[in-house]
N, C-alpha and C. Protein backbone atom coordinates (compact mmCIF):
# COMPACT_ATOMS: atom_id res chain seq x y z
N MET A 1 67.64 7.45 157.44
CA MET A 1 68.54 7.82 158.51
C MET A 1 69.87 7.10 158.31
N LYS A 2 70.95 7.81 158.39
CA LYS A 2 72.29 7.25 158.21
C LYS A 2 72.92 7.04 159.59
N ASN A 3 73.48 5.85 159.79
CA ASN A 3 74.15 5.55 161.05
C ASN A 3 75.61 5.29 160.75
N LYS A 4 76.50 6.03 161.39
CA LYS A 4 77.93 5.91 161.10
C LYS A 4 78.50 4.55 161.47
N ASN A 5 77.82 3.81 162.35
CA ASN A 5 78.34 2.51 162.78
C ASN A 5 77.88 1.37 161.89
N ILE A 6 76.91 1.61 161.03
CA ILE A 6 76.44 0.57 160.12
C ILE A 6 77.09 0.80 158.77
N GLU A 7 77.92 -0.15 158.37
CA GLU A 7 78.67 0.01 157.12
C GLU A 7 77.81 -0.30 155.92
N ALA A 8 76.95 -1.33 156.04
CA ALA A 8 76.12 -1.71 154.91
C ALA A 8 74.98 -2.58 155.39
N VAL A 9 73.90 -2.56 154.64
CA VAL A 9 72.80 -3.48 154.88
C VAL A 9 72.89 -4.51 153.76
N HIS A 10 73.13 -5.76 154.13
CA HIS A 10 73.32 -6.81 153.15
C HIS A 10 71.97 -7.39 152.74
N ARG A 11 71.64 -7.26 151.47
CA ARG A 11 70.40 -7.83 150.94
C ARG A 11 70.81 -8.78 149.83
N ASP A 12 70.71 -10.09 150.10
CA ASP A 12 71.05 -11.04 149.05
C ASP A 12 69.84 -11.26 148.15
N GLN A 13 70.01 -12.10 147.13
CA GLN A 13 68.92 -12.35 146.17
C GLN A 13 67.71 -12.94 146.86
N ASP A 14 67.93 -13.82 147.84
CA ASP A 14 66.81 -14.43 148.55
C ASP A 14 65.97 -13.38 149.26
N LEU A 15 66.63 -12.45 149.94
CA LEU A 15 65.91 -11.41 150.67
C LEU A 15 65.16 -10.51 149.70
N ALA A 16 65.78 -10.15 148.59
CA ALA A 16 65.11 -9.32 147.58
C ALA A 16 63.87 -10.04 147.06
N PHE A 17 63.98 -11.35 146.85
CA PHE A 17 62.85 -12.14 146.37
C PHE A 17 61.74 -12.18 147.42
N ILE A 18 62.11 -12.39 148.68
CA ILE A 18 61.12 -12.43 149.77
C ILE A 18 60.39 -11.09 149.85
N GLU A 19 61.15 -9.98 149.77
CA GLU A 19 60.54 -8.66 149.81
C GLU A 19 59.56 -8.47 148.66
N LYS A 20 59.92 -8.96 147.48
CA LYS A 20 59.04 -8.86 146.32
C LYS A 20 57.74 -9.63 146.56
N VAL A 21 57.86 -10.85 147.09
CA VAL A 21 56.68 -11.67 147.37
C VAL A 21 55.79 -10.99 148.41
N ILE A 22 56.39 -10.44 149.45
CA ILE A 22 55.61 -9.74 150.49
C ILE A 22 54.87 -8.56 149.88
N ARG A 23 55.55 -7.81 149.02
CA ARG A 23 54.89 -6.67 148.35
C ARG A 23 53.73 -7.16 147.49
N LEU A 24 53.96 -8.23 146.71
CA LEU A 24 52.92 -8.75 145.83
C LEU A 24 51.73 -9.29 146.60
N LYS A 25 51.98 -9.85 147.78
CA LYS A 25 50.89 -10.35 148.62
C LYS A 25 50.14 -9.22 149.30
N GLY A 26 50.74 -8.03 149.30
CA GLY A 26 50.10 -6.89 149.94
C GLY A 26 50.21 -6.92 151.45
N LEU A 27 51.18 -7.68 151.98
CA LEU A 27 51.35 -7.75 153.43
C LEU A 27 51.97 -6.47 153.94
N LYS A 28 51.58 -6.09 155.12
CA LYS A 28 52.09 -4.87 155.73
C LYS A 28 53.03 -5.20 156.88
N THR A 29 54.00 -4.33 157.09
CA THR A 29 54.91 -4.46 158.22
C THR A 29 54.30 -3.73 159.41
N ASN A 30 54.28 -4.39 160.55
CA ASN A 30 53.80 -3.75 161.76
C ASN A 30 54.89 -2.83 162.31
N ALA A 31 54.47 -1.74 162.93
CA ALA A 31 55.43 -0.81 163.53
C ALA A 31 56.29 -1.52 164.57
N GLU A 32 55.70 -2.53 165.26
CA GLU A 32 56.45 -3.25 166.31
C GLU A 32 57.57 -4.10 165.72
N ASP A 33 57.52 -4.38 164.40
CA ASP A 33 58.53 -5.22 163.77
C ASP A 33 59.73 -4.43 163.25
N ILE A 34 59.63 -3.11 163.28
CA ILE A 34 60.70 -2.29 162.72
C ILE A 34 61.82 -2.13 163.75
N ILE A 35 63.00 -2.55 163.38
CA ILE A 35 64.15 -2.51 164.29
C ILE A 35 64.70 -1.09 164.36
N PRO A 36 64.81 -0.54 165.57
CA PRO A 36 65.42 0.80 165.70
C PRO A 36 66.93 0.69 165.50
N ILE A 37 67.45 1.35 164.50
CA ILE A 37 68.88 1.20 164.20
C ILE A 37 69.68 2.44 164.61
N ARG A 38 69.28 3.03 165.72
CA ARG A 38 70.00 4.21 166.22
C ARG A 38 71.42 3.85 166.63
N ASP A 39 71.57 2.73 167.35
CA ASP A 39 72.89 2.31 167.82
C ASP A 39 72.80 0.82 168.18
N LEU A 40 73.94 0.23 168.52
CA LEU A 40 73.98 -1.20 168.83
C LEU A 40 73.08 -1.53 170.02
N ASN A 41 73.06 -0.65 171.01
CA ASN A 41 72.25 -0.87 172.20
C ASN A 41 70.76 -1.01 171.84
N SER A 42 70.24 -0.09 171.03
CA SER A 42 68.82 -0.14 170.67
C SER A 42 68.52 -1.37 169.80
N ILE A 43 69.44 -1.72 168.92
CA ILE A 43 69.25 -2.90 168.06
C ILE A 43 69.19 -4.17 168.91
N LEU A 44 70.20 -4.37 169.75
CA LEU A 44 70.27 -5.61 170.54
C LEU A 44 69.16 -5.70 171.57
N ASN A 45 68.79 -4.59 172.19
CA ASN A 45 67.68 -4.62 173.15
C ASN A 45 66.37 -4.97 172.46
N PHE A 46 66.14 -4.41 171.27
CA PHE A 46 64.93 -4.72 170.51
C PHE A 46 64.89 -6.22 170.17
N ILE A 47 65.99 -6.73 169.61
CA ILE A 47 66.05 -8.14 169.21
C ILE A 47 65.92 -9.04 170.43
N ASN A 48 66.60 -8.70 171.51
CA ASN A 48 66.54 -9.50 172.73
C ASN A 48 65.11 -9.55 173.28
N ASN A 49 64.43 -8.40 173.30
CA ASN A 49 63.07 -8.35 173.82
C ASN A 49 62.06 -9.06 172.92
N LYS A 50 62.24 -8.93 171.61
CA LYS A 50 61.26 -9.50 170.67
C LYS A 50 61.53 -10.96 170.36
N HIS A 51 62.81 -11.35 170.25
CA HIS A 51 63.15 -12.70 169.81
C HIS A 51 63.86 -13.54 170.87
N GLY A 52 64.42 -12.89 171.87
CA GLY A 52 65.06 -13.62 172.97
C GLY A 52 66.47 -14.06 172.67
N ILE A 53 66.67 -14.77 171.58
CA ILE A 53 67.99 -15.32 171.25
C ILE A 53 68.48 -14.67 169.96
N PHE A 54 69.76 -14.35 169.93
CA PHE A 54 70.36 -13.83 168.71
C PHE A 54 71.75 -14.43 168.55
N GLN A 55 72.31 -14.25 167.38
CA GLN A 55 73.63 -14.80 167.07
C GLN A 55 74.51 -13.66 166.60
N ILE A 56 75.74 -13.63 167.09
CA ILE A 56 76.67 -12.61 166.63
C ILE A 56 77.91 -13.27 166.05
N SER A 57 78.49 -12.59 165.08
CA SER A 57 79.77 -13.00 164.51
C SER A 57 80.71 -11.82 164.64
N LYS A 58 81.96 -12.12 164.97
CA LYS A 58 82.95 -11.07 165.09
C LYS A 58 83.66 -10.89 163.75
N LYS A 59 84.33 -9.76 163.61
CA LYS A 59 85.04 -9.47 162.36
C LYS A 59 86.11 -10.52 162.07
N SER A 60 86.80 -10.98 163.10
CA SER A 60 87.94 -11.86 162.89
C SER A 60 87.59 -13.36 162.96
N ALA A 61 86.63 -13.71 163.79
CA ALA A 61 86.39 -15.13 164.07
C ALA A 61 85.61 -15.82 162.96
N LYS A 62 85.86 -17.11 162.84
CA LYS A 62 85.13 -17.93 161.88
C LYS A 62 83.87 -18.52 162.50
N SER A 63 83.74 -18.41 163.81
CA SER A 63 82.58 -19.00 164.47
C SER A 63 81.59 -17.92 164.88
N ALA A 64 80.37 -18.38 165.17
CA ALA A 64 79.30 -17.48 165.61
C ALA A 64 78.92 -17.85 167.03
N TYR A 65 78.33 -16.91 167.74
CA TYR A 65 77.99 -17.10 169.14
C TYR A 65 76.51 -16.77 169.33
N LEU A 66 75.77 -17.72 169.89
CA LEU A 66 74.36 -17.51 170.17
C LEU A 66 74.17 -17.23 171.64
N GLY A 67 73.11 -16.50 171.95
CA GLY A 67 72.80 -16.27 173.35
C GLY A 67 71.75 -15.22 173.52
N LYS A 68 71.54 -14.87 174.80
CA LYS A 68 70.63 -13.78 175.10
C LYS A 68 71.42 -12.70 175.83
N LEU A 69 70.95 -11.48 175.69
CA LEU A 69 71.66 -10.32 176.21
C LEU A 69 71.67 -10.30 177.74
N ILE A 70 72.85 -10.11 178.30
CA ILE A 70 72.97 -9.85 179.74
C ILE A 70 73.19 -8.36 179.95
N SER A 71 74.22 -7.80 179.30
CA SER A 71 74.47 -6.36 179.42
C SER A 71 75.29 -5.87 178.24
N LEU A 72 75.23 -4.56 178.05
CA LEU A 72 75.97 -3.92 176.97
C LEU A 72 76.30 -2.50 177.37
N ASN A 73 77.58 -2.16 177.21
CA ASN A 73 77.99 -0.76 177.32
C ASN A 73 79.03 -0.50 176.23
N ASP A 74 79.67 0.65 176.24
CA ASP A 74 80.59 1.00 175.15
C ASP A 74 81.79 0.05 175.06
N GLU A 75 82.18 -0.54 176.18
CA GLU A 75 83.38 -1.39 176.20
C GLU A 75 83.10 -2.87 176.08
N GLU A 76 81.87 -3.30 176.45
CA GLU A 76 81.66 -4.74 176.58
C GLU A 76 80.21 -5.15 176.31
N LEU A 77 80.07 -6.22 175.52
CA LEU A 77 78.78 -6.88 175.32
C LEU A 77 78.89 -8.22 176.04
N ILE A 78 77.95 -8.51 176.93
CA ILE A 78 77.96 -9.80 177.63
C ILE A 78 76.66 -10.53 177.29
N ILE A 79 76.82 -11.78 176.82
CA ILE A 79 75.66 -12.62 176.53
C ILE A 79 75.71 -13.87 177.39
N ASP A 80 74.54 -14.47 177.59
CA ASP A 80 74.46 -15.80 178.19
C ASP A 80 74.52 -16.75 177.01
N PHE A 81 75.64 -17.45 176.87
CA PHE A 81 75.95 -18.28 175.71
C PHE A 81 75.00 -19.48 175.61
N LEU A 82 74.45 -19.71 174.42
CA LEU A 82 73.59 -20.86 174.16
C LEU A 82 74.36 -21.85 173.30
N ASP A 83 74.54 -23.09 173.82
CA ASP A 83 75.32 -24.06 173.05
C ASP A 83 74.45 -24.80 172.02
N THR A 84 75.07 -25.70 171.27
CA THR A 84 74.39 -26.38 170.18
C THR A 84 73.34 -27.39 170.64
N LYS A 85 73.26 -27.63 171.95
CA LYS A 85 72.25 -28.55 172.49
C LYS A 85 71.12 -27.80 173.19
N GLY A 86 71.12 -26.47 173.08
CA GLY A 86 70.07 -25.67 173.69
C GLY A 86 70.26 -25.45 175.18
N GLN A 87 71.50 -25.53 175.65
CA GLN A 87 71.81 -25.29 177.05
C GLN A 87 72.57 -23.97 177.18
N PHE A 88 72.18 -23.17 178.17
CA PHE A 88 72.93 -21.94 178.43
C PHE A 88 74.19 -22.28 179.20
N GLY A 89 75.33 -21.74 178.72
CA GLY A 89 76.62 -22.14 179.26
C GLY A 89 77.36 -21.07 180.02
N GLY A 90 76.71 -19.98 180.36
CA GLY A 90 77.40 -18.94 181.11
C GLY A 90 77.71 -17.72 180.27
N GLU A 91 78.42 -16.80 180.87
CA GLU A 91 78.68 -15.50 180.25
C GLU A 91 79.82 -15.55 179.24
N LEU A 92 79.61 -14.86 178.13
CA LEU A 92 80.66 -14.63 177.15
C LEU A 92 80.73 -13.12 176.94
N SER A 93 81.94 -12.61 176.84
CA SER A 93 82.15 -11.17 176.72
C SER A 93 82.77 -10.85 175.36
N PHE A 94 82.32 -9.74 174.76
CA PHE A 94 82.82 -9.31 173.45
C PHE A 94 83.06 -7.82 173.47
N ASN A 95 83.98 -7.39 172.63
CA ASN A 95 84.15 -5.97 172.36
C ASN A 95 83.09 -5.60 171.32
N PRO A 96 82.18 -4.69 171.64
CA PRO A 96 81.10 -4.35 170.70
C PRO A 96 81.61 -3.88 169.33
N GLU A 97 82.78 -3.28 169.30
CA GLU A 97 83.31 -2.77 168.03
C GLU A 97 83.77 -3.90 167.10
N LYS A 98 83.92 -5.11 167.64
CA LYS A 98 84.38 -6.24 166.84
C LYS A 98 83.22 -7.04 166.23
N ILE A 99 81.98 -6.66 166.55
CA ILE A 99 80.83 -7.40 166.04
C ILE A 99 80.60 -7.03 164.57
N ARG A 100 80.49 -8.06 163.75
CA ARG A 100 80.32 -7.86 162.31
C ARG A 100 78.89 -8.13 161.87
N VAL A 101 78.27 -9.19 162.41
CA VAL A 101 76.93 -9.61 161.97
C VAL A 101 76.08 -9.95 163.19
N ILE A 102 74.82 -9.55 163.15
CA ILE A 102 73.83 -9.95 164.16
C ILE A 102 72.72 -10.67 163.41
N GLU A 103 72.43 -11.91 163.82
CA GLU A 103 71.35 -12.66 163.19
C GLU A 103 70.32 -13.05 164.25
N PHE A 104 69.07 -13.18 163.82
CA PHE A 104 68.00 -13.59 164.72
C PHE A 104 66.86 -14.14 163.88
N ASP A 105 65.96 -14.87 164.52
CA ASP A 105 64.78 -15.39 163.85
C ASP A 105 65.13 -16.25 162.63
N THR A 106 66.26 -16.96 162.70
CA THR A 106 66.61 -17.89 161.62
C THR A 106 66.07 -19.27 161.98
N ASP A 107 66.04 -20.16 161.02
CA ASP A 107 65.55 -21.51 161.27
C ASP A 107 66.39 -22.20 162.35
N TYR A 108 67.71 -22.03 162.27
CA TYR A 108 68.60 -22.67 163.26
C TYR A 108 68.34 -22.14 164.67
N ILE A 109 68.28 -20.82 164.80
CA ILE A 109 68.04 -20.22 166.12
C ILE A 109 66.67 -20.64 166.66
N ASN A 110 65.64 -20.57 165.82
CA ASN A 110 64.30 -20.94 166.26
C ASN A 110 64.20 -22.42 166.61
N SER A 111 64.96 -23.26 165.91
CA SER A 111 64.99 -24.69 166.24
C SER A 111 65.64 -24.91 167.60
N LEU A 112 66.75 -24.23 167.86
CA LEU A 112 67.42 -24.35 169.16
C LEU A 112 66.53 -23.86 170.29
N LYS A 113 65.76 -22.79 170.04
CA LYS A 113 64.87 -22.26 171.07
C LYS A 113 63.84 -23.31 171.51
N LEU A 114 63.49 -24.22 170.60
CA LEU A 114 62.51 -25.26 170.93
C LEU A 114 63.03 -26.25 171.97
N VAL A 115 64.35 -26.44 172.03
CA VAL A 115 64.90 -27.44 172.95
C VAL A 115 65.46 -26.84 174.24
N ILE A 116 65.34 -25.52 174.39
CA ILE A 116 65.79 -24.90 175.64
C ILE A 116 64.85 -25.37 176.76
N PRO A 117 65.42 -25.89 177.85
CA PRO A 117 64.57 -26.33 178.97
C PRO A 117 63.68 -25.20 179.48
N GLU A 118 62.46 -25.52 179.86
CA GLU A 118 61.49 -24.51 180.30
C GLU A 118 62.03 -23.60 181.40
N ASN A 119 62.78 -24.17 182.33
CA ASN A 119 63.26 -23.39 183.47
C ASN A 119 64.39 -22.42 183.09
N GLN A 120 64.88 -22.49 181.83
CA GLN A 120 65.96 -21.59 181.39
C GLN A 120 65.46 -20.52 180.42
N LYS A 121 64.19 -20.60 180.03
CA LYS A 121 63.68 -19.64 179.03
C LYS A 121 63.49 -18.28 179.63
């Protein structure tokens, strides 16, 4: 399936190696793990529901922003910003068209999730 909003799927050497190892081990992908890439809304809702926290980078900015999804429409993506100490810091708003990269389930994100206070999870 081709999506006009996705310019490329970046597969570096590490990912290609991981995929090779998974194939050699004979591991199977569960249907629940497959990200629906119909549009940004389906991607972010899937990641938010399955992983809770994700990180986005904009086309222009040198920094990345972590958080959980509050809302998304054609004009605006709003996240509850997660700072480097595992504290939620309020709403951050982005133009969805400016998003360049979405990351989730990384060591850094999963480490930060460990220090989020129970009452904020």
